Amino acid sequence: MAFFDFGTIFFLVAAVVIFLQLRNVLGRRTGNERKPFDPYTASRTKEAAQGPDNVVSLPRKRAAGEPPVEVYAGIDAFAKPDGDLNKGLRAIKDADASFEPKTFVDGAKMAYEMIVMAYADGDRKTLKNLLSREVYDGFVAAITERESKSEKVQSSFVGIDKADIVSAEMKGGEAHVTLRIVSELISATRDKAGAVIDGDPETVAEVKDVWTFSRDTRSRDPNWKLVATEEE
């Protein structure tokens, strides 16, 4: 037979009382309890509460009667609407949305100067990046012949007076744009002994060229290359 002293009985009674009080509290909902914390829901709720700052606006559908965005504005300002040149430029724009006549002309003028000076200096590397294979072969053949005779070209590029697009068209997936370029150049060719055999090292000469640039609009390469040249 087991005996309990007074201390043991006291702690047993106290434990029962505490248990009953906890059960009453924990088992009862008052409606004021905090909701369980969900980190994923919480982050989404925070984003939603921030409002317009986090809203990404998508392009809206054009309303009925609203005029469309004029994608040919730059072309119409550059070439007379309904003309052959305008139609050709529009065809290129349709194939290459990034094409703009003014930007193209600015780039062509830079390429023109680089090509003229690279040819005078015999810089094959620069020419290879700017010319089509056929034009490159022709330029290199002339450079090689000049070098075989120990001739040298001395040139100073003065500037471009005019650069006008005279024709534009799509040939399959290739865009072709032809420019008439009027430039000023000081150029002279000297023989092995240093005597001038062509040009004039003291005179600014006017040079008129008709150059055609091309680019495959199906390619990721954005660069245009010179595909044909002729002098006026």
C-alpha atoms as a PDB file:
ATOM      1  CA  MET A   1       0.000   0.000   0.000  1.00  0.00           C
ATOM      2  CA  ALA A   2       1.441   3.328  -1.076  1.00  0.00           C
ATOM      3  CA  PHE A   3       1.453   6.415   1.105  1.00  0.00           C
ATOM      4  CA  PHE A   4       1.537  10.051  -0.120  1.00  0.00           C
ATOM      5  CA  ASP A   5       2.827  12.820   2.002  1.00  0.00           C
ATOM      6  CA  PHE A   6       1.175  16.253   2.039  1.00  0.00           C
ATOM      7  CA  GLY A   7       3.633  17.787  -0.477  1.00  0.00           C
ATOM      8  CA  THR A   8       2.945  15.145  -3.102  1.00  0.00           C
ATOM      9  CA  ILE A   9      -0.828  15.586  -2.803  1.00  0.00           C
ATOM     10  CA  PHE A  10      -0.451  19.377  -3.101  1.00  0.00           C
ATOM     11  CA  PHE A  11       1.472  19.209  -6.367  1.00  0.00           C
ATOM     12  CA  LEU A  12      -0.981  16.678  -7.874  1.00  0.00           C
ATOM     13  CA  VAL A  13      -3.922  18.958  -7.111  1.00  0.00           C
ATOM     14  CA  ALA A  14      -2.076  21.976  -8.500  1.00  0.00           C
ATOM     15  CA  ALA A  15      -1.249  20.120 -11.749  1.00  0.00           C
ATOM     16  CA  VAL A  16      -4.910  19.121 -12.280  1.00  0.00           C
ATOM     17  CA  VAL A  17      -6.073  22.698 -11.747  1.00  0.00           C
ATOM     18  CA  ILE A  18      -3.504  24.138 -14.198  1.00  0.00           C
ATOM     19  CA  PHE A  19      -4.430  21.514 -16.825  1.00  0.00           C
ATOM     20  CA  LEU A  20      -8.139  22.351 -16.604  1.00  0.00           C
ATOM     21  CA  GLN A  21      -7.447  26.093 -16.962  1.00  0.00           C
ATOM     22  CA  LEU A  22      -5.200  25.597 -20.015  1.00  0.00           C
ATOM     23  CA  ARG A  23      -7.798  23.362 -21.691  1.00  0.00           C
ATOM     24  CA  ASN A  24     -10.451  25.972 -21.235  1.00  0.00           C
ATOM     25  CA  VAL A  25      -8.268  28.680 -22.741  1.00  0.00           C
ATOM     26  CA  LEU A  26      -6.727  26.736 -25.612  1.00  0.00           C
ATOM     27  CA  GLY A  27      -9.907  24.994 -26.657  1.00  0.00           C
ATOM     28  CA  ARG A  28     -11.935  28.166 -26.980  1.00  0.00           C
ATOM     29  CA  ARG A  29     -12.054  30.582 -30.071  1.00  0.00           C
ATOM     30  CA  THR A  30     -13.069  34.148 -29.395  1.00  0.00           C
ATOM     31  CA  GLY A  31     -12.905  35.452 -33.011  1.00  0.00           C
ATOM     32  CA  ASN A  32      -9.967  37.736 -32.253  1.00  0.00           C
ATOM     33  CA  GLU A  33      -7.237  35.198 -32.888  1.00  0.00           C
ATOM     34  CA  ARG A  34      -4.442  36.154 -35.369  1.00  0.00           C
ATOM     35  CA  LYS A  35      -4.534  34.189 -38.627  1.00  0.00           C
ATOM     36  CA  PRO A  36      -1.718  31.713 -39.286  1.00  0.00           C
ATOM     37  CA  PHE A  37       1.243  33.358 -41.061  1.00  0.00           C
ATOM     38  CA  ASP A  38       1.826  32.218 -44.679  1.00  0.00           C
ATOM     39  CA  PRO A  39       5.044  33.772 -46.079  1.00  0.00           C
ATOM     40  CA  TYR A  40       3.959  33.250 -49.706  1.00  0.00           C
ATOM     41  CA  THR A  41       0.520  34.769 -49.248  1.00  0.00           C
ATOM     42  CA  ALA A  42       2.010  37.549 -47.171  1.00  0.00           C
ATOM     43  CA  SER A  43       4.433  38.588 -49.917  1.00  0.00           C
ATOM     44  CA  ARG A  44       1.709  38.633 -52.540  1.00  0.00           C
ATOM     45  CA  THR A  45      -0.559  40.680 -50.276  1.00  0.00           C
ATOM     46  CA  LYS A  46       2.224  43.197 -49.692  1.00  0.00           C
ATOM     47  CA  GLU A  47       2.820  43.583 -53.436  1.00  0.00           C
ATOM     48  CA  ALA A  48      -0.873  44.106 -54.067  1.00  0.00           C
ATOM     49  CA  ALA A  49      -1.057  46.719 -51.357  1.00  0.00           C
ATOM     50  CA  GLN A  50       1.687  48.756 -53.003  1.00  0.00           C
ATOM     51  CA  GLY A  51      -0.680  49.609 -55.810  1.00  0.00           C
ATOM     52  CA  PRO A  52       0.249  51.431 -59.071  1.00  0.00           C
ATOM     53  CA  ASP A  53       4.021  51.437 -58.478  1.00  0.00           C
ATOM     54  CA  ASN A  54       4.146  47.716 -59.127  1.00  0.00           C
ATOM     55  CA  VAL A  55       1.672  47.650 -62.004  1.00  0.00           C
ATOM     56  CA  VAL A  56       3.061  46.741 -65.441  1.00  0.00           C
ATOM     57  CA  SER A  57       1.013  48.382 -68.153  1.00  0.00           C
ATOM     58  CA  LEU A  58       0.483  46.267 -71.248  1.00  0.00           C
ATOM     59  CA  PRO A  59      -0.073  47.801 -74.688  1.00  0.00           C
ATOM     60  CA  ARG A  60      -3.703  48.617 -75.024  1.00  0.00           C
ATOM     61  CA  LYS A  61      -5.773  47.608 -77.981  1.00  0.00           C
ATOM     62  CA  ARG A  62      -6.374  50.443 -80.428  1.00  0.00           C
ATOM     63  CA  ALA A  63      -9.887  51.752 -80.063  1.00  0.00           C
ATOM     64  CA  ALA A  64     -12.222  51.847 -83.046  1.00  0.00           C
ATOM     65  CA  GLY A  65     -11.628  54.963 -85.104  1.00  0.00           C
ATOM     66  CA  GLU A  66      -8.260  55.687 -83.451  1.00  0.00           C
ATOM     67  CA  PRO A  67      -5.541  56.306 -86.069  1.00  0.00           C
ATOM     68  CA  PRO A  68      -2.731  53.693 -86.193  1.00  0.00           C
ATOM     69  CA  VAL A  69       0.865  54.560 -85.366  1.00  0.00           C
ATOM     70  CA  GLU A  70       2.494  55.935 -88.540  1.00  0.00           C
ATOM     71  CA  VAL A  71       5.462  53.650 -89.083  1.00  0.00           C
ATOM     72  CA  TYR A  72       6.362  55.275 -92.403  1.00  0.00           C
ATOM     73  CA  ALA A  73       6.607  58.863 -91.116  1.00  0.00           C
ATOM     74  CA  GLY A  74      10.384  58.987 -91.498  1.00  0.00           C
ATOM     75  CA  ILE A  75      10.174  57.593 -95.025  1.00  0.00           C
ATOM     76  CA  ASP A  76       7.409  59.970 -96.136  1.00  0.00           C
ATOM     77  CA  ALA A  77       9.456  62.901 -94.846  1.00  0.00           C
ATOM     78  CA  PHE A  78      12.465  61.623 -96.778  1.00  0.00           C
ATOM     79  CA  ALA A  79      10.908  60.620-100.100  1.00  0.00           C
ATOM     80  CA  LYS A  80       7.779  61.801-101.913  1.00  0.00           C
ATOM     81  CA  PRO A  81       4.801  59.569-101.026  1.00  0.00           C
ATOM     82  CA  ASP A  82       3.582  57.235-103.781  1.00  0.00           C
ATOM     83  CA  GLY A  83       6.875  57.576-105.669  1.00  0.00           C
ATOM     84  CA  ASP A  84       9.030  54.584-106.595  1.00  0.00           C
ATOM     85  CA  LEU A  85      11.698  55.518-104.045  1.00  0.00           C
ATOM     86  CA  ASN A  86       9.112  55.812-101.275  1.00  0.00           C
ATOM     87  CA  LYS A  87       7.648  52.416-102.172  1.00  0.00           C
ATOM     88  CA  GLY A  88      11.080  50.819-102.186  1.00  0.00           C
ATOM     89  CA  LEU A  89      11.961  52.289 -98.804  1.00  0.00           C
ATOM     90  CA  ARG A  90       8.628  51.145 -97.388  1.00  0.00           C
ATOM     91  CA  ALA A  91       9.301  47.620 -98.623  1.00  0.00           C
ATOM     92  CA  ILE A  92      12.614  47.624 -96.765  1.00  0.00           C
ATOM     93  CA  LYS A  93      10.893  48.994 -93.652  1.00  0.00           C
ATOM     94  CA  ASP A  94       8.381  46.157 -93.835  1.00  0.00           C
ATOM     95  CA  ALA A  95      11.236  43.634 -93.891  1.00  0.00           C
ATOM     96  CA  ASP A  96      13.342  45.441 -91.270  1.00  0.00           C
ATOM     97  CA  ALA A  97      11.377  47.474 -88.723  1.00  0.00           C
ATOM     98  CA  SER A  98      14.545  49.214 -87.498  1.00  0.00           C
ATOM     99  CA  PHE A  99      15.312  50.736 -90.911  1.00  0.00           C
ATOM    100  CA  GLU A 100      15.172  54.542 -91.145  1.00  0.00           C
ATOM    101  CA  PRO A 101      16.455  56.402 -94.252  1.00  0.00           C
ATOM    102  CA  LYS A 102      18.142  59.237 -92.378  1.00  0.00           C
ATOM    103  CA  THR A 103      19.988  56.886 -90.027  1.00  0.00           C
ATOM    104  CA  PHE A 104      21.014  54.757 -92.998  1.00  0.00           C
ATOM    105  CA  VAL A 105      22.443  57.735 -94.900  1.00  0.00           C
ATOM    106  CA  ASP A 106      24.442  58.846 -91.851  1.00  0.00           C
ATOM    107  CA  GLY A 107      25.929  55.354 -91.564  1.00  0.00           C
ATOM    108  CA  ALA A 108      26.614  55.139 -95.307  1.00  0.00           C
ATOM    109  CA  LYS A 109      28.543  58.419 -95.224  1.00  0.00           C
ATOM    110  CA  MET A 110      30.764  57.083 -92.456  1.00  0.00           C
ATOM    111  CA  ALA A 111      31.283  53.828 -94.369  1.00  0.00           C
ATOM    112  CA  TYR A 112      32.125  55.768 -97.539  1.00  0.00           C
ATOM    113  CA  GLU A 113      34.955  57.669 -95.837  1.00  0.00           C
ATOM    114  CA  MET A 114      36.294  54.499 -94.193  1.00  0.00           C
ATOM    115  CA  ILE A 115      36.300  52.603 -97.481  1.00  0.00           C
ATOM    116  CA  VAL A 116      37.953  55.403 -99.470  1.00  0.00           C
ATOM    117  CA  MET A 117      40.725  55.799 -96.906  1.00  0.00           C
ATOM    118  CA  ALA A 118      41.174  52.037 -96.399  1.00  0.00           C
ATOM    119  CA  TYR A 119      41.601  51.599-100.164  1.00  0.00           C
ATOM    120  CA  ALA A 120      44.226  54.369-100.265  1.00  0.00           C
ATOM    121  CA  ASP A 121      46.082  52.823 -97.325  1.00  0.00           C
ATOM    122  CA  GLY A 122      45.795  49.262 -98.614  1.00  0.00           C
ATOM    123  CA  ASP A 123      43.935  48.266 -95.437  1.00  0.00           C
ATOM    124  CA  ARG A 124      42.483  44.910 -96.467  1.00  0.00           C
ATOM    125  CA  LYS A 125      41.116  44.070 -93.006  1.00  0.00           C
ATOM    126  CA  THR A 126      38.878  47.140 -92.870  1.00  0.00           C
ATOM    127  CA  LEU A 127      37.726  46.623 -96.448  1.00  0.00           C
ATOM    128  CA  LYS A 128      36.799  43.001 -95.809  1.00  0.00           C
ATOM    129  CA  ASN A 129      34.332  44.034 -93.107  1.00  0.00           C
ATOM    130  CA  LEU A 130      32.642  46.658 -95.298  1.00  0.00           C
ATOM    131  CA  LEU A 131      32.556  45.105 -98.774  1.00  0.00           C
ATOM    132  CA  SER A 132      30.812  42.173-100.399  1.00  0.00           C
ATOM    133  CA  ARG A 133      33.059  39.375-101.625  1.00  0.00           C
ATOM    134  CA  GLU A 134      32.929  40.517-105.265  1.00  0.00           C
ATOM    135  CA  VAL A 135      33.691  44.177-104.517  1.00  0.00           C
ATOM    136  CA  TYR A 136      36.385  43.190-102.015  1.00  0.00           C
ATOM    137  CA  ASP A 137      38.126  41.011-104.605  1.00  0.00           C
ATOM    138  CA  GLY A 138      38.136  43.921-107.076  1.00  0.00           C
ATOM    139  CA  PHE A 139      39.560  46.374-104.541  1.00  0.00           C
ATOM    140  CA  VAL A 140      42.239  43.932-103.382  1.00  0.00           C
ATOM    141  CA  ALA A 141      43.266  43.190-106.964  1.00  0.00           C
ATOM    142  CA  ALA A 142      43.850  46.917-107.562  1.00  0.00           C
ATOM    143  CA  ILE A 143      45.776  47.249-104.293  1.00  0.00           C
ATOM    144  CA  THR A 144      47.935  44.245-105.113  1.00  0.00           C
ATOM    145  CA  GLU A 145      48.767  45.615-108.558  1.00  0.00           C
ATOM    146  CA  ARG A 146      49.662  48.966-107.061  1.00  0.00           C
ATOM    147  CA  GLU A 147      51.917  47.330-104.487  1.00  0.00           C
ATOM    148  CA  SER A 148      53.639  45.220-107.130  1.00  0.00           C
ATOM    149  CA  LYS A 149      54.704  48.456-108.826  1.00  0.00           C
ATOM    150  CA  SER A 150      55.763  50.017-105.511  1.00  0.00           C
ATOM    151  CA  GLU A 151      53.222  52.790-106.023  1.00  0.00           C
ATOM    152  CA  LYS A 152      51.667  54.619-103.102  1.00  0.00           C
ATOM    153  CA  VAL A 153      48.489  56.636-102.781  1.00  0.00           C
ATOM    154  CA  GLN A 154      48.416  59.699-100.561  1.00  0.00           C
ATOM    155  CA  SER A 155      44.894  60.809 -99.725  1.00  0.00           C
ATOM    156  CA  SER A 156      43.208  63.322 -97.452  1.00  0.00           C
ATOM    157  CA  PHE A 157      39.454  63.112 -97.071  1.00  0.00           C
ATOM    158  CA  VAL A 158      37.956  66.605 -97.018  1.00  0.00           C
ATOM    159  CA  GLY A 159      34.277  65.751 -96.646  1.00  0.00           C
ATOM    160  CA  ILE A 160      30.981  64.788 -98.256  1.00  0.00           C
ATOM    161  CA  ASP A 161      28.953  67.524 -99.931  1.00  0.00           C
ATOM    162  CA  LYS A 162      25.892  65.412-100.760  1.00  0.00           C
ATOM    163  CA  ALA A 163      24.650  61.885-100.173  1.00  0.00           C
ATOM    164  CA  ASP A 164      21.236  61.125-101.642  1.00  0.00           C
ATOM    165  CA  ILE A 165      19.350  57.860-101.902  1.00  0.00           C
ATOM    166  CA  VAL A 166      18.412  57.409-105.553  1.00  0.00           C
ATOM    167  CA  SER A 167      16.813  53.959-105.421  1.00  0.00           C
ATOM    168  CA  ALA A 168      15.765  51.283-102.953  1.00  0.00           C
ATOM    169  CA  GLU A 169      14.311  47.829-103.353  1.00  0.00           C
ATOM    170  CA  MET A 170      13.959  44.364-101.883  1.00  0.00           C
ATOM    171  CA  LYS A 171      15.436  41.461-103.825  1.00  0.00           C
ATOM    172  CA  GLY A 172      14.108  38.406-102.082  1.00  0.00           C
ATOM    173  CA  GLY A 173      15.202  38.856 -98.474  1.00  0.00           C
ATOM    174  CA  GLU A 174      17.959  41.315 -99.347  1.00  0.00           C
ATOM    175  CA  ALA A 175      17.544  45.076 -99.083  1.00  0.00           C
ATOM    176  CA  HIS A 176      19.412  47.184-101.668  1.00  0.00           C
ATOM    177  CA  VAL A 177      19.876  50.935-101.356  1.00  0.00           C
ATOM    178  CA  THR A 178      21.766  53.023-103.918  1.00  0.00           C
ATOM    179  CA  LEU A 179      23.237  56.440-103.101  1.00  0.00           C
ATOM    180  CA  ARG A 180      24.730  59.204-105.188  1.00  0.00           C
ATOM    181  CA  ILE A 181      27.634  60.611-103.201  1.00  0.00           C
ATOM    182  CA  VAL A 182      29.515  63.816-103.974  1.00  0.00           C
ATOM    183  CA  SER A 183      32.704  64.181-101.941  1.00  0.00           C
ATOM    184  CA  GLU A 184      35.885  66.230-101.839  1.00  0.00           C
ATOM    185  CA  LEU A 185      39.234  64.490-101.745  1.00  0.00           C
ATOM    186  CA  ILE A 186      42.893  65.340-102.076  1.00  0.00           C
ATOM    187  CA  SER A 187      44.620  62.369-103.668  1.00  0.00           C
ATOM    188  CA  ALA A 188      47.831  61.640-105.504  1.00  0.00           C
ATOM    189  CA  THR A 189      49.552  58.443-106.599  1.00  0.00           C
ATOM    190  CA  ARG A 190      53.338  58.350-106.528  1.00  0.00           C
ATOM    191  CA  ASP A 191      55.652  55.884-108.229  1.00  0.00           C
ATOM    192  CA  LYS A 192      58.624  54.107-106.700  1.00  0.00           C
ATOM    193  CA  ALA A 193      60.784  57.223-107.111  1.00  0.00           C
ATOM    194  CA  GLY A 194      58.163  59.436-105.430  1.00  0.00           C
ATOM    195  CA  ALA A 195      57.045  61.214-108.587  1.00  0.00           C
ATOM    196  CA  VAL A 196      53.336  62.011-108.913  1.00  0.00           C
ATOM    197  CA  ILE A 197      51.844  59.862-111.662  1.00  0.00           C
ATOM    198  CA  ASP A 198      48.160  60.505-110.953  1.00  0.00           C
ATOM    199  CA  GLY A 199      46.130  63.118-109.096  1.00  0.00           C
ATOM    200  CA  ASP A 200      47.396  66.280-107.411  1.00  0.00           C
ATOM    201  CA  PRO A 201      48.654  66.488-103.814  1.00  0.00           C
ATOM    202  CA  GLU A 202      47.748  70.201-103.654  1.00  0.00           C
ATOM    203  CA  THR A 203      44.268  70.243-105.185  1.00  0.00           C
ATOM    204  CA  VAL A 204      40.895  69.390-103.708  1.00  0.00           C
ATOM    205  CA  ALA A 205      39.057  67.298-106.266  1.00  0.00           C
ATOM    206  CA  GLU A 206      35.314  66.687-106.456  1.00  0.00           C
ATOM    207  CA  VAL A 207      34.467  62.999-106.694  1.00  0.00           C
ATOM    208  CA  LYS A 208      31.066  61.687-107.736  1.00  0.00           C
ATOM    209  CA  ASP A 209      30.207  58.063-106.959  1.00  0.00           C
ATOM    210  CA  VAL A 210      27.130  55.875-107.150  1.00  0.00           C
ATOM    211  CA  TRP A 211      27.356  53.160-104.523  1.00  0.00           C
ATOM    212  CA  THR A 212      24.908  50.406-103.660  1.00  0.00           C
ATOM    213  CA  PHE A 213      24.724  48.914-100.181  1.00  0.00           C
ATOM    214  CA  SER A 214      22.947  45.687 -99.301  1.00  0.00           C
ATOM    215  CA  ARG A 215      21.886  43.779 -96.231  1.00  0.00           C
ATOM    216  CA  ASP A 216      20.202  40.410 -95.722  1.00  0.00           C
ATOM    217  CA  THR A 217      17.160  41.294 -93.598  1.00  0.00           C
ATOM    218  CA  ARG A 218      16.810  37.639 -92.568  1.00  0.00           C
ATOM    219  CA  SER A 219      20.206  37.734 -90.870  1.00  0.00           C
ATOM    220  CA  ARG A 220      20.922  38.842 -87.309  1.00  0.00           C
ATOM    221  CA  ASP A 221      23.893  40.789 -88.644  1.00  0.00           C
ATOM    222  CA  PRO A 222      22.728  44.438 -88.735  1.00  0.00           C
ATOM    223  CA  ASN A 223      25.600  45.633 -90.932  1.00  0.00           C
ATOM    224  CA  TRP A 224      25.274  46.767 -94.536  1.00  0.00           C
ATOM    225  CA  LYS A 225      27.955  46.043 -97.122  1.00  0.00           C
ATOM    226  CA  LEU A 226      28.968  47.761-100.328  1.00  0.00           C
ATOM    227  CA  VAL A 227      27.932  45.538-103.239  1.00  0.00           C
ATOM    228  CA  ALA A 228      28.411  47.769-106.294  1.00  0.00           C
ATOM    229  CA  THR A 229      30.304  50.934-107.248  1.00  0.00           C
ATOM    230  CA  GLU A 230      30.473  53.203-110.274  1.00  0.00           C
ATOM    231  CA  GLU A 231      31.759  56.674-111.026  1.00  0.00           C
ATOM    232  CA  GLU A 232      29.733  59.413-112.685  1.00  0.00           C
END
